[in-house]
Protein backbone atom coordinates (compact mmCIF):
# COMPACT_ATOMS: atom_id res chain seq x y z
CA UNK A 1 0.00 0.00 0.00
CA UNK A 2 1.28 3.48 -0.82
CA UNK A 3 2.32 5.81 1.99
CA UNK A 4 0.93 9.35 2.03
CA UNK A 5 1.82 12.31 4.25
CA UNK A 6 -0.30 15.15 5.60
CA UNK A 7 0.17 18.21 3.40
CA UNK A 8 -2.91 20.37 4.03
CA UNK A 9 -5.88 20.84 6.38
CA UNK A 10 -8.83 23.06 5.72
CA UNK A 11 -11.63 23.97 8.10
CA UNK A 12 -15.08 24.90 6.82
CA UNK A 13 -17.96 26.81 8.37
CA UNK A 14 -19.93 23.59 8.97
CA UNK A 15 -17.42 22.20 11.46
CA UNK A 16 -15.69 19.84 9.04
CA UNK A 17 -11.97 19.43 8.55
CA UNK A 18 -10.65 18.29 5.18
CA UNK A 19 -7.28 16.56 5.46
CA UNK A 20 -5.15 16.14 2.38
CA UNK A 21 -2.38 13.54 2.32
CA UNK A 22 0.02 13.19 -0.62
CA UNK A 23 2.72 10.86 -1.85
CA UNK A 24 6.27 12.16 -1.49
CA UNK A 25 6.45 12.98 -5.19
CA UNK A 26 3.28 15.08 -4.81
CA UNK A 27 1.60 13.35 -7.74
CA UNK A 28 -1.14 11.46 -5.87
CA UNK A 29 -3.46 12.55 -3.07
CA UNK A 30 -5.83 11.08 -0.53
CA UNK A 31 -8.43 13.25 1.19
CA UNK A 32 -10.37 12.60 4.34
CA UNK A 33 -13.10 14.67 5.97
CA UNK A 34 -13.98 14.53 9.62
CA UNK A 35 -15.89 16.55 12.18
CA UNK A 36 -13.80 19.26 13.83
CA UNK A 37 -15.00 17.95 17.21
CA UNK A 38 -13.22 14.69 16.48
CA UNK A 39 -9.90 16.54 16.55
CA UNK A 40 -10.56 17.30 20.20
CA UNK A 41 -12.12 14.01 21.30
CA UNK A 42 -10.41 11.55 18.95
CA UNK A 43 -6.91 10.21 18.66
CA UNK A 44 -5.74 13.20 16.65
CA UNK A 45 -4.31 13.38 13.17
CA UNK A 46 -1.33 11.30 12.11
CA UNK A 47 1.57 12.61 10.06
CA UNK A 48 1.12 9.87 7.50
CA UNK A 49 -0.84 6.80 6.64
CA UNK A 50 -0.88 3.85 4.31
CA UNK A 51 -3.81 3.78 1.91
CA UNK A 52 -5.09 1.46 -0.75
CA UNK A 53 -4.04 2.41 -4.28
CA UNK A 54 -7.71 2.83 -5.21
CA UNK A 55 -8.09 5.57 -2.56
CA UNK A 56 -5.60 7.84 -4.34
CA UNK A 57 -6.47 10.55 -6.81
CA UNK A 58 -4.38 12.79 -9.02
CA UNK A 59 -3.07 16.01 -7.56
CA UNK A 60 -4.12 19.21 -9.33
CA UNK A 61 -1.17 20.34 -11.47
CA UNK A 62 -0.78 23.63 -9.61
CA UNK A 63 -0.37 21.81 -6.26
CA UNK A 64 2.11 19.03 -7.18
CA UNK A 65 5.27 20.94 -6.25
CA UNK A 66 3.86 22.25 -2.95
CA UNK A 67 2.49 18.85 -1.95
CA UNK A 68 5.80 17.15 -2.83
CA UNK A 69 7.69 19.64 -0.67
CA UNK A 70 5.29 19.26 2.27
CA UNK A 71 5.10 15.46 2.04
CA UNK A 72 8.88 15.10 1.89
CA UNK A 73 9.25 17.40 4.88
CA UNK A 74 6.70 15.43 6.92
CA UNK A 75 8.36 12.12 5.98
CA UNK A 76 11.77 13.41 7.06
CA UNK A 77 10.53 14.80 10.38
CA UNK A 78 7.89 12.29 11.50
CA UNK A 79 6.97 8.64 11.73
CA UNK A 80 3.67 7.61 10.13
CA UNK A 81 1.83 7.37 13.42
CA UNK A 82 3.12 10.62 14.96
CA UNK A 83 0.27 12.90 16.03
CA UNK A 84 0.47 16.31 14.39
C-alpha atoms as a PDB file:
ATOM      1  CA  UNK A   1       0.000   0.000   0.000  1.00  0.00           C
ATOM      2  CA  UNK A   2       1.280   3.480  -0.824  1.00  0.00           C
ATOM      3  CA  UNK A   3       2.316   5.808   1.989  1.00  0.00           C
ATOM      4  CA  UNK A   4       0.935   9.347   2.031  1.00  0.00           C
ATOM      5  CA  UNK A   5       1.820  12.309   4.249  1.00  0.00           C
ATOM      6  CA  UNK A   6      -0.296  15.151   5.600  1.00  0.00           C
ATOM      7  CA  UNK A   7       0.168  18.206   3.401  1.00  0.00           C
ATOM      8  CA  UNK A   8      -2.911  20.366   4.032  1.00  0.00           C
ATOM      9  CA  UNK A   9      -5.880  20.842   6.383  1.00  0.00           C
ATOM     10  CA  UNK A  10      -8.829  23.058   5.718  1.00  0.00           C
ATOM     11  CA  UNK A  11     -11.635  23.968   8.097  1.00  0.00           C
ATOM     12  CA  UNK A  12     -15.076  24.903   6.824  1.00  0.00           C
ATOM     13  CA  UNK A  13     -17.962  26.807   8.375  1.00  0.00           C
ATOM     14  CA  UNK A  14     -19.927  23.595   8.968  1.00  0.00           C
ATOM     15  CA  UNK A  15     -17.420  22.204  11.458  1.00  0.00           C
ATOM     16  CA  UNK A  16     -15.693  19.844   9.036  1.00  0.00           C
ATOM     17  CA  UNK A  17     -11.965  19.427   8.553  1.00  0.00           C
ATOM     18  CA  UNK A  18     -10.646  18.290   5.177  1.00  0.00           C
ATOM     19  CA  UNK A  19      -7.280  16.558   5.460  1.00  0.00           C
ATOM     20  CA  UNK A  20      -5.147  16.143   2.378  1.00  0.00           C
ATOM     21  CA  UNK A  21      -2.384  13.545   2.325  1.00  0.00           C
ATOM     22  CA  UNK A  22       0.020  13.192  -0.615  1.00  0.00           C
ATOM     23  CA  UNK A  23       2.718  10.855  -1.845  1.00  0.00           C
ATOM     24  CA  UNK A  24       6.274  12.163  -1.487  1.00  0.00           C
ATOM     25  CA  UNK A  25       6.445  12.982  -5.191  1.00  0.00           C
ATOM     26  CA  UNK A  26       3.280  15.082  -4.807  1.00  0.00           C
ATOM     27  CA  UNK A  27       1.604  13.348  -7.743  1.00  0.00           C
ATOM     28  CA  UNK A  28      -1.138  11.456  -5.867  1.00  0.00           C
ATOM     29  CA  UNK A  29      -3.462  12.548  -3.072  1.00  0.00           C
ATOM     30  CA  UNK A  30      -5.834  11.085  -0.534  1.00  0.00           C
ATOM     31  CA  UNK A  31      -8.430  13.253   1.188  1.00  0.00           C
ATOM     32  CA  UNK A  32     -10.374  12.598   4.342  1.00  0.00           C
ATOM     33  CA  UNK A  33     -13.100  14.666   5.974  1.00  0.00           C
ATOM     34  CA  UNK A  34     -13.984  14.528   9.624  1.00  0.00           C
ATOM     35  CA  UNK A  35     -15.885  16.553  12.178  1.00  0.00           C
ATOM     36  CA  UNK A  36     -13.803  19.258  13.833  1.00  0.00           C
ATOM     37  CA  UNK A  37     -15.004  17.952  17.206  1.00  0.00           C
ATOM     38  CA  UNK A  38     -13.218  14.687  16.480  1.00  0.00           C
ATOM     39  CA  UNK A  39      -9.898  16.541  16.551  1.00  0.00           C
ATOM     40  CA  UNK A  40     -10.565  17.297  20.202  1.00  0.00           C
ATOM     41  CA  UNK A  41     -12.119  14.012  21.302  1.00  0.00           C
ATOM     42  CA  UNK A  42     -10.415  11.551  18.954  1.00  0.00           C
ATOM     43  CA  UNK A  43      -6.914  10.205  18.661  1.00  0.00           C
ATOM     44  CA  UNK A  44      -5.735  13.201  16.649  1.00  0.00           C
ATOM     45  CA  UNK A  45      -4.306  13.384  13.168  1.00  0.00           C
ATOM     46  CA  UNK A  46      -1.335  11.300  12.109  1.00  0.00           C
ATOM     47  CA  UNK A  47       1.575  12.607  10.059  1.00  0.00           C
ATOM     48  CA  UNK A  48       1.121   9.870   7.501  1.00  0.00           C
ATOM     49  CA  UNK A  49      -0.844   6.797   6.636  1.00  0.00           C
ATOM     50  CA  UNK A  50      -0.883   3.848   4.311  1.00  0.00           C
ATOM     51  CA  UNK A  51      -3.815   3.781   1.909  1.00  0.00           C
ATOM     52  CA  UNK A  52      -5.087   1.463  -0.751  1.00  0.00           C
ATOM     53  CA  UNK A  53      -4.039   2.413  -4.278  1.00  0.00           C
ATOM     54  CA  UNK A  54      -7.706   2.829  -5.211  1.00  0.00           C
ATOM     55  CA  UNK A  55      -8.086   5.569  -2.561  1.00  0.00           C
ATOM     56  CA  UNK A  56      -5.602   7.841  -4.339  1.00  0.00           C
ATOM     57  CA  UNK A  57      -6.468  10.552  -6.812  1.00  0.00           C
ATOM     58  CA  UNK A  58      -4.385  12.789  -9.023  1.00  0.00           C
ATOM     59  CA  UNK A  59      -3.068  16.007  -7.557  1.00  0.00           C
ATOM     60  CA  UNK A  60      -4.123  19.213  -9.330  1.00  0.00           C
ATOM     61  CA  UNK A  61      -1.174  20.338 -11.472  1.00  0.00           C
ATOM     62  CA  UNK A  62      -0.779  23.634  -9.609  1.00  0.00           C
ATOM     63  CA  UNK A  63      -0.372  21.808  -6.258  1.00  0.00           C
ATOM     64  CA  UNK A  64       2.111  19.034  -7.175  1.00  0.00           C
ATOM     65  CA  UNK A  65       5.266  20.943  -6.248  1.00  0.00           C
ATOM     66  CA  UNK A  66       3.859  22.254  -2.950  1.00  0.00           C
ATOM     67  CA  UNK A  67       2.493  18.850  -1.955  1.00  0.00           C
ATOM     68  CA  UNK A  68       5.801  17.148  -2.828  1.00  0.00           C
ATOM     69  CA  UNK A  69       7.692  19.636  -0.668  1.00  0.00           C
ATOM     70  CA  UNK A  70       5.292  19.263   2.271  1.00  0.00           C
ATOM     71  CA  UNK A  71       5.096  15.464   2.042  1.00  0.00           C
ATOM     72  CA  UNK A  72       8.883  15.097   1.890  1.00  0.00           C
ATOM     73  CA  UNK A  73       9.251  17.402   4.876  1.00  0.00           C
ATOM     74  CA  UNK A  74       6.697  15.433   6.922  1.00  0.00           C
ATOM     75  CA  UNK A  75       8.355  12.121   5.981  1.00  0.00           C
ATOM     76  CA  UNK A  76      11.770  13.408   7.064  1.00  0.00           C
ATOM     77  CA  UNK A  77      10.529  14.805  10.384  1.00  0.00           C
ATOM     78  CA  UNK A  78       7.889  12.289  11.502  1.00  0.00           C
ATOM     79  CA  UNK A  79       6.966   8.636  11.735  1.00  0.00           C
ATOM     80  CA  UNK A  80       3.668   7.606  10.130  1.00  0.00           C
ATOM     81  CA  UNK A  81       1.826   7.368  13.417  1.00  0.00           C
ATOM     82  CA  UNK A  82       3.118  10.618  14.960  1.00  0.00           C
ATOM     83  CA  UNK A  83       0.273  12.897  16.029  1.00  0.00           C
ATOM     84  CA  UNK A  84       0.470  16.310  14.388  1.00  0.00           C
END
